[in-house]
Structure formats: structure tokens, C-alpha cells
Amino acid sequence: MSRNTSPFYSANNQFGESLPEQIAKYILEKIMKGEIGPGHKIVEEYVAQELKTSRAPVREALYLLQISNIVERIPRKGTLVKSFSTIEIREYTEVMIGLIQMALEFSKGKWTEDSLQSLDETLNLMSNKFHAGELLAYQESSSILTKYLFEVAGNKALSKFYDESVYILNVFAKVKWTNETMNHFHPKMLEVVSCIKENNIDQAKEIIPALLLDTLTE
């Protein structure tokens, strides 16, 4: 196990994450920002030099990204950022649709005055980013709102499946989304929240397929 002696670890370890987890998140953020594209080779030595750490935690970080299906190891080529086909993107999107719909179903009868207020606050944050045209910040606030649906649902297994899938869809969104996509997405998200507040969960569930398919697969 690698020792946590890197200055990078000291500066970024805010949530009790291990050094490999911090490095994996760092690499993932570079992928999301488009600094590392599909097919790009990630060299352990270069990452270790950049972060002033040994190669061992970098190797562990790449393994974490590999099991999350973000990168792939190819013999004689090394570790490459995975390129996803249109079919794969649609399959991941369809799985996420099912997970969100299940979270909404599990949330029935669990929405309280406090949880609805928290939902409103998160939506207000999204709306502020939307009106400011801040695309990346909007995507992040959207992820916070979606995650909150799973918190209210209160099903740990469902939340685990969501956490394992959301990284990949976030990568898709960061690469694919434009301001036009955000303009299409936001009104539908307003509809979902409105349905939840009106205790019309089934109607909210019906909106989810178009919400994701229209913004991730077209």
C-alpha cells in the first residue's frame, strides 16, 4: 500500500479519501474538462512526476478508473482513455433512466417539508447557473439534485449502483453538452421538481427518459 506523502494528497484530501482515490478523481476531472480525450494514453510516470508522488498510487488510481470503465488497459499500448460507442452511451443512459425512476418510486411518501425545501434550494442553485450560462457549474448542480433524489429514496443498494454509473455519464455530459443542451434540459428538470412537489411521482418518472435520452444520445 502506498504511503500518503505526496504534497498533492495533503492539499486535496478533504473527504478522507486515499491517495489513489484523489489521483483517480484528478485524472477524471481532466477527462471531463476535455484536457484528456478518448484514446489518449495515460503514462504512470508522467502523472507521478506531475503530482510529485510515486508510481504505485498512480497505478492504483488507474485501476480504480479501469473498474469504473473510464480507462482500459491494452497490451503493448498501455492505459488509454476509453472511447465509447453510440450503443454503449445509449445503454448506460437507459440504465441511469431506470435507476432514477426507481429512486423516484422509492421516494414516494418520504418527501417532507424539510426535504422539499432542500430540493428547492438545489433547484435554485441550478437555475442561477442556468441563467448565468455557466455550463460546467450547471452540470455539477444538476448532479447534486439527482443525487438528492437517491438520498430521499433511502435505498443504499440503489445509491451504490447510481454512484458506480454516474461517473461515466458525467464524462459523456461534459464532452457532449452545449448551452443549447442546457436550454433543452432545464425546463424538463423544472417539470420533474414541480411534479415531486405536487406529489405526482409517476408523472415525474415519465419525464425522465426524454430528459436523459434527448441530452445524452442525440
Protein backbone atom coordinates (compact mmCIF):
# COMPACT_ATOMS: atom_id res chain seq x y z
CA MET A 1 0.00 0.00 0.00
CA SER A 2 1.36 3.41 -0.95
CA ARG A 3 2.32 5.92 1.72
CA ASN A 4 0.42 9.19 1.66
CA THR A 5 3.43 11.52 1.45
CA SER A 6 2.54 13.46 -1.69
CA PRO A 7 2.00 17.25 -1.40
CA PHE A 8 -0.94 16.69 -3.77
CA TYR A 9 -2.54 14.40 -1.17
CA SER A 10 -2.00 16.91 1.63
CA ALA A 11 -3.57 19.74 -0.37
CA ASN A 12 -6.56 17.83 -1.70
CA ASN A 13 -7.55 15.27 0.92
CA GLN A 14 -10.70 16.96 2.23
CA PHE A 15 -13.00 13.94 2.47
CA GLY A 16 -10.81 11.20 3.94
CA GLU A 17 -10.04 9.76 0.51
CA SER A 18 -6.93 7.69 -0.10
CA LEU A 19 -4.14 8.99 -2.34
CA PRO A 20 -5.15 6.69 -5.24
CA GLU A 21 -8.75 7.92 -4.94
CA GLN A 22 -7.56 11.52 -5.06
CA ILE A 23 -5.43 10.82 -8.13
CA ALA A 24 -8.29 8.99 -9.85
CA LYS A 25 -10.54 12.00 -9.26
CA TYR A 26 -7.82 14.33 -10.60
CA ILE A 27 -7.49 12.29 -13.82
CA LEU A 28 -11.27 12.05 -14.17
CA GLU A 29 -11.63 15.82 -13.89
CA LYS A 30 -9.07 16.28 -16.67
CA ILE A 31 -11.10 13.89 -18.84
CA MET A 32 -14.32 15.77 -18.04
CA LYS A 33 -12.73 19.10 -18.93
CA GLY A 34 -11.58 17.71 -22.27
CA GLU A 35 -7.89 18.00 -21.39
CA ILE A 36 -7.54 14.24 -21.92
CA GLY A 37 -9.61 12.84 -24.79
CA PRO A 38 -10.77 9.37 -25.87
CA GLY A 39 -7.86 7.19 -26.94
CA HIS A 40 -5.34 9.33 -25.03
CA LYS A 41 -2.59 7.30 -23.34
CA ILE A 42 -2.10 7.94 -19.63
CA VAL A 43 1.51 7.32 -18.61
CA GLU A 44 2.01 6.44 -14.92
CA GLU A 45 5.45 8.03 -14.79
CA TYR A 46 4.25 11.37 -16.17
CA VAL A 47 1.30 11.56 -13.76
CA ALA A 48 3.57 10.65 -10.84
CA GLN A 49 6.03 13.38 -11.80
CA GLU A 50 3.23 15.93 -12.21
CA LEU A 51 1.77 15.17 -8.78
CA LYS A 52 5.17 14.57 -7.10
CA THR A 53 4.29 11.08 -5.92
CA SER A 54 5.44 7.54 -6.63
CA ARG A 55 4.07 5.41 -9.46
CA ALA A 56 2.37 2.93 -7.11
CA PRO A 57 -0.62 5.14 -6.13
CA VAL A 58 -0.96 6.26 -9.75
CA ARG A 59 -1.16 2.60 -10.79
CA GLU A 60 -3.85 2.04 -8.15
CA ALA A 61 -5.73 5.13 -9.36
CA LEU A 62 -5.73 3.86 -12.93
CA TYR A 63 -7.05 0.53 -11.69
CA LEU A 64 -9.93 2.36 -9.98
CA LEU A 65 -10.71 4.13 -13.25
CA GLN A 66 -10.45 0.85 -15.11
CA ILE A 67 -13.02 -0.93 -12.96
CA SER A 68 -15.25 2.15 -13.35
CA ASN A 69 -14.92 1.63 -17.14
CA ILE A 70 -13.34 5.05 -17.69
CA VAL A 71 -9.99 3.75 -18.96
CA GLU A 72 -8.86 0.45 -20.45
CA ARG A 73 -5.53 -1.39 -20.42
CA ILE A 74 -4.46 -2.59 -23.85
CA PRO A 75 -1.46 -4.96 -24.26
CA ARG A 76 1.61 -3.22 -25.69
CA LYS A 77 -0.24 0.11 -25.73
CA GLY A 78 -0.75 0.89 -22.06
CA THR A 79 -3.68 2.60 -20.35
CA LEU A 80 -5.96 4.57 -22.65
CA VAL A 81 -8.99 6.74 -22.03
CA LYS A 82 -11.86 4.62 -23.25
CA SER A 83 -13.80 5.58 -26.35
CA PHE A 84 -17.50 4.79 -26.05
CA SER A 85 -19.66 3.81 -28.99
CA THR A 86 -23.11 5.30 -29.57
CA ILE A 87 -24.62 1.98 -28.48
CA GLU A 88 -22.65 1.96 -25.21
CA ILE A 89 -23.68 5.55 -24.42
CA ARG A 90 -27.33 4.67 -25.01
CA GLU A 91 -27.05 1.54 -22.84
CA TYR A 92 -25.55 3.48 -19.93
CA THR A 93 -28.19 6.17 -20.35
CA GLU A 94 -31.00 3.61 -20.29
CA VAL A 95 -29.59 2.10 -17.09
CA MET A 96 -29.45 5.55 -15.48
CA ILE A 97 -33.05 6.22 -16.52
CA GLY A 98 -34.11 3.04 -14.73
CA LEU A 99 -32.11 3.93 -11.60
CA ILE A 100 -33.60 7.43 -11.36
CA GLN A 101 -37.11 6.12 -11.93
CA MET A 102 -36.57 3.55 -9.17
CA ALA A 103 -35.27 6.28 -6.85
CA LEU A 104 -38.40 8.31 -7.51
CA GLU A 105 -40.56 5.27 -6.81
CA PHE A 106 -38.75 4.59 -3.52
CA SER A 107 -39.15 8.26 -2.59
CA LYS A 108 -42.95 8.03 -2.55
CA GLY A 109 -44.28 9.04 0.86
CA LYS A 110 -40.83 10.19 2.02
CA TRP A 111 -40.90 13.81 0.92
CA THR A 112 -41.16 16.06 3.96
CA GLU A 113 -41.34 19.82 4.27
CA ASP A 114 -37.60 19.91 5.01
CA SER A 115 -36.61 17.64 2.11
CA LEU A 116 -38.78 19.62 -0.31
CA GLN A 117 -37.12 22.82 0.90
CA SER A 118 -33.69 21.27 0.26
CA LEU A 119 -34.87 20.21 -3.20
CA ASP A 120 -35.97 23.79 -3.88
CA GLU A 121 -32.62 25.17 -2.73
CA THR A 122 -30.75 22.82 -5.05
CA LEU A 123 -33.04 23.73 -7.93
CA ASN A 124 -32.44 27.44 -7.24
CA LEU A 125 -28.71 26.81 -7.47
CA MET A 126 -29.23 25.09 -10.82
CA SER A 127 -31.42 27.95 -12.05
CA ASN A 128 -28.81 30.54 -11.07
CA LYS A 129 -26.13 28.67 -13.05
CA PHE A 130 -28.57 28.26 -15.94
CA HIS A 131 -29.38 31.97 -16.17
CA ALA A 132 -25.67 32.81 -15.86
CA GLY A 133 -24.87 30.44 -18.73
CA GLU A 134 -22.29 28.59 -16.63
CA LEU A 135 -22.43 25.19 -18.30
CA LEU A 136 -19.97 23.19 -16.18
CA ALA A 137 -21.29 24.61 -12.92
CA TYR A 138 -24.83 23.85 -14.11
CA GLN A 139 -23.92 20.22 -14.79
CA GLU A 140 -22.42 19.90 -11.32
CA SER A 141 -25.52 21.36 -9.66
CA SER A 142 -27.69 19.01 -11.74
CA SER A 143 -25.71 16.06 -10.41
CA ILE A 144 -26.26 17.31 -6.86
CA LEU A 145 -30.00 17.46 -7.40
CA THR A 146 -30.13 13.99 -8.95
CA LYS A 147 -28.07 12.56 -6.10
CA TYR A 148 -30.53 14.09 -3.64
CA LEU A 149 -33.34 12.01 -5.15
CA PHE A 150 -31.40 8.90 -4.13
CA GLU A 151 -30.82 10.27 -0.63
CA VAL A 152 -34.55 10.77 -0.13
CA ALA A 153 -35.25 7.32 -1.60
CA GLY A 154 -33.11 5.90 1.21
CA ASN A 155 -32.12 2.67 -0.58
CA LYS A 156 -28.40 2.03 -0.07
CA ALA A 157 -28.10 -0.60 -2.81
CA LEU A 158 -29.73 1.72 -5.33
CA SER A 159 -27.44 4.58 -4.31
CA LYS A 160 -24.42 2.31 -4.77
CA PHE A 161 -25.46 1.41 -8.33
CA TYR A 162 -26.02 5.10 -9.06
CA ASP A 163 -22.59 6.10 -7.72
CA GLU A 164 -20.91 3.45 -9.88
CA SER A 165 -22.68 4.58 -13.05
CA VAL A 166 -22.76 8.34 -12.71
CA TYR A 167 -19.03 8.92 -13.37
CA ILE A 168 -19.32 7.60 -16.90
CA LEU A 169 -22.44 9.58 -17.71
CA ASN A 170 -20.79 12.71 -16.29
CA VAL A 171 -17.93 12.19 -18.74
CA PHE A 172 -20.44 11.84 -21.59
CA ALA A 173 -22.22 15.01 -20.49
CA LYS A 174 -19.04 17.07 -20.13
CA VAL A 175 -17.98 16.15 -23.66
CA LYS A 176 -21.39 16.33 -25.33
CA TRP A 177 -23.29 19.16 -23.63
CA THR A 178 -23.52 22.66 -25.06
CA ASN A 179 -25.50 25.69 -23.91
CA GLU A 180 -28.24 24.55 -26.29
CA THR A 181 -28.36 21.20 -24.49
CA MET A 182 -28.69 23.01 -21.16
CA ASN A 183 -31.52 25.12 -22.59
CA HIS A 184 -33.35 21.92 -23.53
CA PHE A 185 -32.61 20.12 -20.25
CA HIS A 186 -33.52 22.79 -17.70
CA PRO A 187 -37.26 23.17 -18.44
CA LYS A 188 -37.68 19.39 -18.17
CA MET A 189 -35.87 19.38 -14.83
CA LEU A 190 -38.21 22.13 -13.63
CA GLU A 191 -41.11 19.87 -14.60
CA VAL A 192 -39.67 16.94 -12.63
CA VAL A 193 -39.28 19.02 -9.48
CA SER A 194 -42.74 20.51 -9.92
CA CYS A 195 -44.23 17.01 -10.14
CA ILE A 196 -42.41 15.94 -6.98
CA LYS A 197 -43.68 18.98 -5.09
CA GLU A 198 -47.22 18.19 -6.27
CA ASN A 199 -46.78 14.58 -5.11
CA ASN A 200 -47.14 13.38 -8.70
CA ILE A 201 -44.20 10.99 -8.69
CA ASP A 202 -45.48 8.83 -11.55
CA GLN A 203 -45.59 11.88 -13.84
CA ALA A 204 -42.04 12.77 -12.80
CA LYS A 205 -40.93 9.25 -13.73
CA GLU A 206 -42.46 9.64 -17.20
CA ILE A 207 -40.36 12.74 -17.88
CA ILE A 208 -37.02 11.07 -17.08
CA PRO A 209 -36.50 9.07 -20.33
CA ALA A 210 -36.77 12.12 -22.59
CA LEU A 211 -34.78 14.20 -20.11
CA LEU A 212 -31.72 11.95 -20.44
CA LEU A 213 -32.08 10.40 -23.91
CA ASP A 214 -32.55 13.78 -25.61
CA THR A 215 -29.48 15.28 -23.93
CA LEU A 216 -27.04 12.35 -23.97
CA THR A 217 -27.74 10.22 -27.03
CA GLU A 218 -28.74 12.61 -29.80
